[in-house]
Amino acid sequence: MNIPIKFLWVQYIGVCSYIVKEISGKGLELEDLRVKLVELGFSDIPLIKNEEIVKDSIEYLQTLNLKYTIHSPTSDEECGVRVDLGVDNKNNIKIMEKVFKIASLLDVRYVVVHGGDVNTSYYKAFINTKNQLTKLSKMAEDYSVRLVIENLSDNRVGAMPHEFMPFLGDNVGMVFDTGHAFLIQQKYGVDMREYIRQLGSYIEHIHIHDNSGITDEHLALGEGSINWKIIIKELSKTNPKNIILEIRRYSNPQNVVESINALSNGFTKKAERFITQSKYNVNVAEI
């Protein structure tokens, strides 16, 4: 069965910096990855240190002849530079302004943000996320940057599809993350396609990675349990600007390359055979 899964409007297909050896010291070399877009993570290369932008890192990144997006610091960032929009904290705004300055230096258009952590009160975390996102979206405009907010897993604002509408618009779009949506589906029974059906017109950026449905493993396509035939078909109805393979673990480096090829080639028959090697296979009649 031929599946119409060509992303007609995608500008770039890329990878996260974690698996780019020239940036993080781990993973594959750019020569093998053959991508032009990399999403920078703050734990993969020092971008802010002692509250200052690390100019040497910026200058080095400028030499790699790549396009970049940026994943802003998260609440559990390993490098120690953290942002948690669930807490009303001036430091969040201060750090994010530096993120926007970095984006401007690297000619970055899209910056990914997370909703806040839910600690004592969901409602407080939601309101804090919304209020700070409003401030940040206006600030981002000054740097010609667009914010995109990502669907998450448990204990963070933005785990369920219905949570996003108050955030979207006014220089804020959406990141659809396949791995996080699958975890929510497996735990709570919310069909991961509901994110696309309810929010598809707002999806500008996509994070693609696989997992077993239990933990956020960030595997290569086909190494986990996501039914890619169904999800990619649904995603083909959206018009994302960028797709990032947010792979952090893989059993074989070739699986990373095959994942990139599968997306880049619009899912040819060869690519279709690769993704359907997933542990979670269904009858084609279910599609």
Protein backbone atom coordinates (compact mmCIF):
# COMPACT_ATOMS: atom_id res chain seq x y z
CA MET A 1 0.00 0.00 0.00
CA ASN A 2 1.40 3.40 -0.95
CA ILE A 3 1.18 5.92 1.87
CA PRO A 4 1.05 9.62 0.88
CA ILE A 5 3.63 10.80 3.38
CA LYS A 6 5.56 13.56 1.68
CA PHE A 7 6.03 16.68 3.79
CA LEU A 8 5.44 19.27 1.09
CA TRP A 9 6.13 22.41 3.10
CA VAL A 10 9.10 21.37 5.23
CA GLN A 11 12.03 23.73 4.86
CA TYR A 12 14.57 21.56 6.67
CA ILE A 13 14.94 18.10 8.18
CA GLY A 14 17.60 17.99 10.87
CA VAL A 15 18.84 16.39 14.06
CA CYS A 16 19.43 17.43 17.65
CA SER A 17 22.95 18.48 18.58
CA TYR A 18 23.29 15.58 21.02
CA ILE A 19 24.14 13.17 18.19
CA VAL A 20 26.40 15.55 16.24
CA LYS A 21 29.98 14.66 17.11
CA GLU A 22 31.34 18.04 16.03
CA ILE A 23 29.08 19.73 18.60
CA SER A 24 28.52 17.38 21.55
CA GLY A 25 31.48 15.04 21.10
CA LYS A 26 29.01 12.14 20.86
CA GLY A 27 27.16 10.44 18.03
CA LEU A 28 27.89 10.68 14.32
CA GLU A 29 29.90 13.08 12.22
CA LEU A 30 28.15 15.62 10.00
CA GLU A 31 29.59 13.90 6.94
CA ASP A 32 27.57 10.79 7.84
CA LEU A 33 24.44 12.60 9.01
CA ARG A 34 24.22 14.77 5.87
CA VAL A 35 21.86 17.32 7.40
CA LYS A 36 21.82 21.10 7.08
CA LEU A 37 19.76 21.81 10.22
CA VAL A 38 20.75 21.15 13.84
CA GLU A 39 18.72 21.94 16.95
CA LEU A 40 21.09 23.17 19.64
CA GLY A 41 20.74 21.94 23.22
CA PHE A 42 22.35 23.80 26.10
CA SER A 43 23.84 20.64 27.61
CA ASP A 44 25.52 19.68 24.33
CA ILE A 45 27.71 22.76 23.92
CA PRO A 46 28.38 25.61 26.40
CA LEU A 47 26.32 28.56 25.19
CA ILE A 48 25.81 30.38 28.50
CA LYS A 49 28.34 30.25 31.32
CA ASN A 50 28.48 32.39 34.45
CA GLU A 51 25.44 34.26 33.11
CA GLU A 52 27.34 35.30 29.97
CA ILE A 53 27.07 34.14 26.37
CA VAL A 54 30.05 31.96 25.42
CA LYS A 55 31.37 33.77 22.35
CA ASP A 56 33.87 31.02 21.44
CA SER A 57 31.00 28.54 21.06
CA ILE A 58 29.02 30.96 18.90
CA GLU A 59 32.01 31.60 16.65
CA TYR A 60 32.68 27.86 16.34
CA LEU A 61 29.07 27.10 15.42
CA GLN A 62 29.22 29.80 12.75
CA THR A 63 32.04 27.88 11.03
CA LEU A 64 30.02 24.66 10.55
CA ASN A 65 27.92 25.91 7.62
CA LEU A 66 24.66 24.81 9.24
CA LYS A 67 21.22 26.23 9.91
CA TYR A 68 20.13 26.11 13.54
CA THR A 69 17.08 26.03 15.73
CA ILE A 70 17.47 26.28 19.51
CA HIS A 71 15.91 24.22 22.28
CA SER A 72 15.80 26.62 25.21
CA PRO A 73 17.07 25.40 28.60
CA THR A 74 14.71 23.10 30.47
CA SER A 75 14.07 22.75 34.20
CA ASP A 76 16.36 19.71 34.41
CA GLU A 77 19.13 20.90 32.09
CA GLU A 78 22.38 19.08 32.88
CA CYS A 79 24.55 22.15 32.22
CA GLY A 80 22.99 24.04 35.13
CA VAL A 81 21.38 26.78 33.00
CA ARG A 82 17.69 26.12 33.71
CA VAL A 83 14.31 27.61 32.86
CA ASP A 84 11.04 26.55 34.51
CA LEU A 85 8.08 28.62 33.37
CA GLY A 86 5.93 26.98 36.06
CA VAL A 87 7.64 29.29 38.56
CA ASP A 88 7.21 33.05 38.29
CA ASN A 89 10.87 33.95 38.30
CA LYS A 90 12.69 36.93 36.80
CA ASN A 91 15.64 34.65 36.15
CA ASN A 92 13.58 32.77 33.54
CA ILE A 93 13.14 35.97 31.55
CA LYS A 94 16.77 36.94 32.03
CA ILE A 95 18.05 33.61 30.70
CA MET A 96 15.59 33.57 27.82
CA GLU A 97 16.71 37.02 26.69
CA LYS A 98 20.23 35.61 26.39
CA VAL A 99 18.79 32.68 24.43
CA PHE A 100 17.21 35.17 22.01
CA LYS A 101 20.51 37.03 21.69
CA ILE A 102 22.23 33.74 20.82
CA ALA A 103 19.47 33.06 18.30
CA SER A 104 20.08 36.45 16.70
CA LEU A 105 23.83 35.80 16.46
CA LEU A 106 23.23 32.45 14.74
CA ASP A 107 20.38 33.66 12.53
CA VAL A 108 17.93 31.31 14.28
CA ARG A 109 14.24 31.66 13.52
CA TYR A 110 12.70 29.05 15.87
CA VAL A 111 13.24 28.60 19.61
CA VAL A 112 11.59 25.67 21.40
CA VAL A 113 10.19 26.15 24.91
CA HIS A 114 8.63 23.85 27.50
CA GLY A 115 5.60 24.48 29.68
CA GLY A 116 6.36 24.71 33.38
CA ASP A 117 6.82 21.90 35.87
CA VAL A 118 3.81 21.03 38.01
CA ASN A 119 4.96 20.90 41.63
CA THR A 120 2.35 21.88 44.22
CA SER A 121 -0.39 23.37 42.02
CA TYR A 122 -1.21 22.66 38.36
CA TYR A 123 -3.22 25.88 38.07
CA LYS A 124 -0.38 28.00 39.39
CA ALA A 125 2.08 26.36 37.00
CA PHE A 126 -0.35 26.91 34.10
CA ILE A 127 -0.90 30.62 34.88
CA ASN A 128 2.83 31.21 35.40
CA THR A 129 3.58 29.49 32.09
CA LYS A 130 0.98 31.57 30.26
CA ASN A 131 2.02 34.91 31.76
CA GLN A 132 5.73 34.39 31.14
CA LEU A 133 5.11 33.03 27.65
CA THR A 134 3.24 36.24 26.83
CA LYS A 135 6.24 38.32 27.93
CA LEU A 136 8.69 36.08 26.10
CA SER A 137 6.75 36.07 22.83
CA LYS A 138 6.92 39.87 22.73
CA MET A 139 10.61 39.86 23.61
CA ALA A 140 11.32 37.20 20.97
CA GLU A 141 9.80 39.42 18.28
CA ASP A 142 12.46 42.04 19.00
CA TYR A 143 15.06 39.46 17.97
CA SER A 144 13.07 38.19 14.94
CA VAL A 145 12.54 34.87 16.73
CA ARG A 146 9.40 32.75 16.85
CA LEU A 147 8.62 30.63 19.92
CA VAL A 148 7.23 27.12 19.57
CA ILE A 149 5.90 25.31 22.64
CA GLU A 150 6.28 21.54 22.91
CA ASN A 151 3.86 18.88 24.10
CA LEU A 152 5.38 17.12 27.10
CA SER A 153 4.87 14.07 29.29
CA ASP A 154 3.74 13.81 32.91
CA ASN A 155 3.96 16.55 35.55
CA ARG A 156 4.48 19.44 33.17
CA VAL A 157 2.08 21.95 31.67
CA GLY A 158 1.36 20.87 28.10
CA ALA A 159 0.96 17.11 28.43
CA MET A 160 -2.58 17.01 26.96
CA PRO A 161 -3.83 18.45 23.63
CA HIS A 162 -6.53 20.66 25.19
CA GLU A 163 -3.98 22.65 27.21
CA PHE A 164 -2.38 24.43 24.26
CA MET A 165 -4.99 26.79 22.83
CA PRO A 166 -4.46 29.54 25.44
CA PHE A 167 -0.76 29.65 24.52
CA LEU A 168 -0.92 29.68 20.72
CA GLY A 169 -0.89 32.78 18.52
CA ASP A 170 0.92 36.09 19.17
CA ASN A 171 4.29 34.76 17.99
CA VAL A 172 3.81 31.32 19.57
CA GLY A 173 3.37 28.16 17.50
CA MET A 174 3.54 24.49 18.44
CA VAL A 175 6.12 21.72 18.46
CA PHE A 176 4.61 18.26 18.10
CA ASP A 177 6.79 15.68 19.85
CA THR A 178 6.02 12.10 18.80
CA GLY A 179 7.77 10.42 21.73
CA HIS A 180 6.01 12.48 24.39
CA ALA A 181 2.62 12.01 22.72
CA PHE A 182 3.15 8.24 22.63
CA LEU A 183 3.98 8.12 26.36
CA ILE A 184 0.74 9.98 27.14
CA GLN A 185 -1.17 7.62 24.85
CA GLN A 186 0.22 4.55 26.55
CA LYS A 187 -0.34 5.86 30.08
CA TYR A 188 -3.70 7.63 29.75
CA GLY A 189 -5.25 6.27 26.55
CA VAL A 190 -5.20 9.61 24.69
CA ASP A 191 -4.69 8.73 21.00
CA MET A 192 -1.49 10.54 19.97
CA ARG A 193 -3.21 11.54 16.73
CA GLU A 194 -5.46 13.83 18.79
CA TYR A 195 -2.62 16.35 19.12
CA ILE A 196 -2.46 16.54 15.33
CA ARG A 197 -6.23 16.57 14.81
CA GLN A 198 -6.84 19.30 17.39
CA LEU A 199 -3.71 21.40 16.86
CA GLY A 200 -2.48 20.51 13.37
CA SER A 201 -2.85 24.02 11.94
CA TYR A 202 -0.54 25.35 14.68
CA ILE A 203 2.21 22.74 14.26
CA GLU A 204 5.27 24.48 12.84
CA HIS A 205 8.00 22.28 14.23
CA ILE A 206 8.16 18.51 14.83
CA HIS A 207 10.35 16.40 17.09
CA ILE A 208 10.49 12.82 15.87
CA HIS A 209 11.86 9.96 17.96
CA ASP A 210 10.77 6.53 19.15
CA ASN A 211 10.33 4.84 22.53
CA SER A 212 8.90 1.70 24.13
CA GLY A 213 5.92 3.52 25.64
CA ILE A 214 7.33 3.44 29.17
CA THR A 215 10.17 5.97 29.32
CA ASP A 216 11.33 8.86 27.13
CA GLU A 217 14.16 6.97 25.44
CA HIS A 218 14.62 9.12 22.30
CA LEU A 219 15.33 6.14 20.05
CA ALA A 220 15.85 5.97 16.30
CA LEU A 221 12.74 5.24 14.22
CA GLY A 222 11.78 1.57 14.39
CA GLU A 223 13.71 0.84 17.59
CA GLY A 224 10.67 1.48 19.80
CA SER A 225 6.96 0.75 19.65
CA ILE A 226 5.42 3.75 17.84
CA ASN A 227 3.23 2.84 14.88
CA TRP A 228 4.98 5.05 12.33
CA LYS A 229 2.72 4.15 9.40
CA ILE A 230 -0.27 5.67 11.14
CA ILE A 231 1.50 8.68 12.69
CA ILE A 232 3.42 9.76 9.61
CA LYS A 233 0.26 9.54 7.54
CA GLU A 234 -1.46 11.86 10.04
CA LEU A 235 1.52 14.23 10.16
CA SER A 236 1.51 14.54 6.37
CA LYS A 237 -1.66 16.63 6.75
CA THR A 238 0.29 19.32 8.62
CA ASN A 239 2.62 22.00 7.24
CA PRO A 240 5.66 22.07 9.51
CA LYS A 241 8.61 24.30 8.69
CA ASN A 242 11.17 22.02 10.35
CA ILE A 243 11.42 18.38 11.42
CA ILE A 244 14.05 17.45 13.99
CA LEU A 245 15.04 13.85 14.64
CA GLU A 246 15.53 14.15 18.39
CA ILE A 247 17.43 10.88 18.70
CA ARG A 248 19.65 10.33 21.74
CA ARG A 249 19.95 6.54 21.81
CA TYR A 250 20.27 3.96 19.07
CA SER A 251 21.27 0.32 18.78
CA ASN A 252 23.09 0.92 15.49
CA PRO A 253 24.39 4.19 13.98
CA GLN A 254 22.97 3.10 10.63
CA ASN A 255 19.48 3.32 12.12
CA VAL A 256 20.04 7.05 12.67
CA VAL A 257 21.07 7.49 9.04
CA GLU A 258 18.10 5.41 7.86
CA SER A 259 15.75 7.53 10.00
CA ILE A 260 17.06 10.70 8.34
CA ASN A 261 16.80 9.12 4.88
CA ALA A 262 13.25 7.95 5.55
CA LEU A 263 12.13 11.52 6.27
CA SER A 264 14.29 13.21 3.64
CA ASN A 265 13.11 10.95 0.81
CA GLY A 266 9.42 11.36 1.52
CA PHE A 267 9.10 7.76 2.66
CA THR A 268 9.87 5.72 -0.42
CA LYS A 269 9.14 1.99 -0.46
CA LYS A 270 12.62 1.32 0.92
CA ALA A 271 12.05 3.77 3.75
CA GLU A 272 8.60 2.31 4.41
CA ARG A 273 10.14 -1.13 4.85
CA PHE A 274 12.62 0.32 7.33
CA ILE A 275 10.07 2.00 9.59
CA THR A 276 7.71 -0.97 9.57
CA GLN A 277 10.39 -3.06 11.25
CA SER A 278 9.11 -1.41 14.44
CA LYS A 279 8.18 -3.78 17.28
CA TYR A 280 4.67 -2.30 17.09
CA ASN A 281 3.34 -3.54 13.75
CA VAL A 282 -0.32 -3.50 12.76
CA ASN A 283 -2.32 -4.76 9.84
CA VAL A 284 -2.36 -2.26 6.95
CA ALA A 285 -6.16 -2.44 7.08
CA GLU A 286 -6.06 -0.47 10.34
CA ILE A 287 -4.70 2.61 8.57
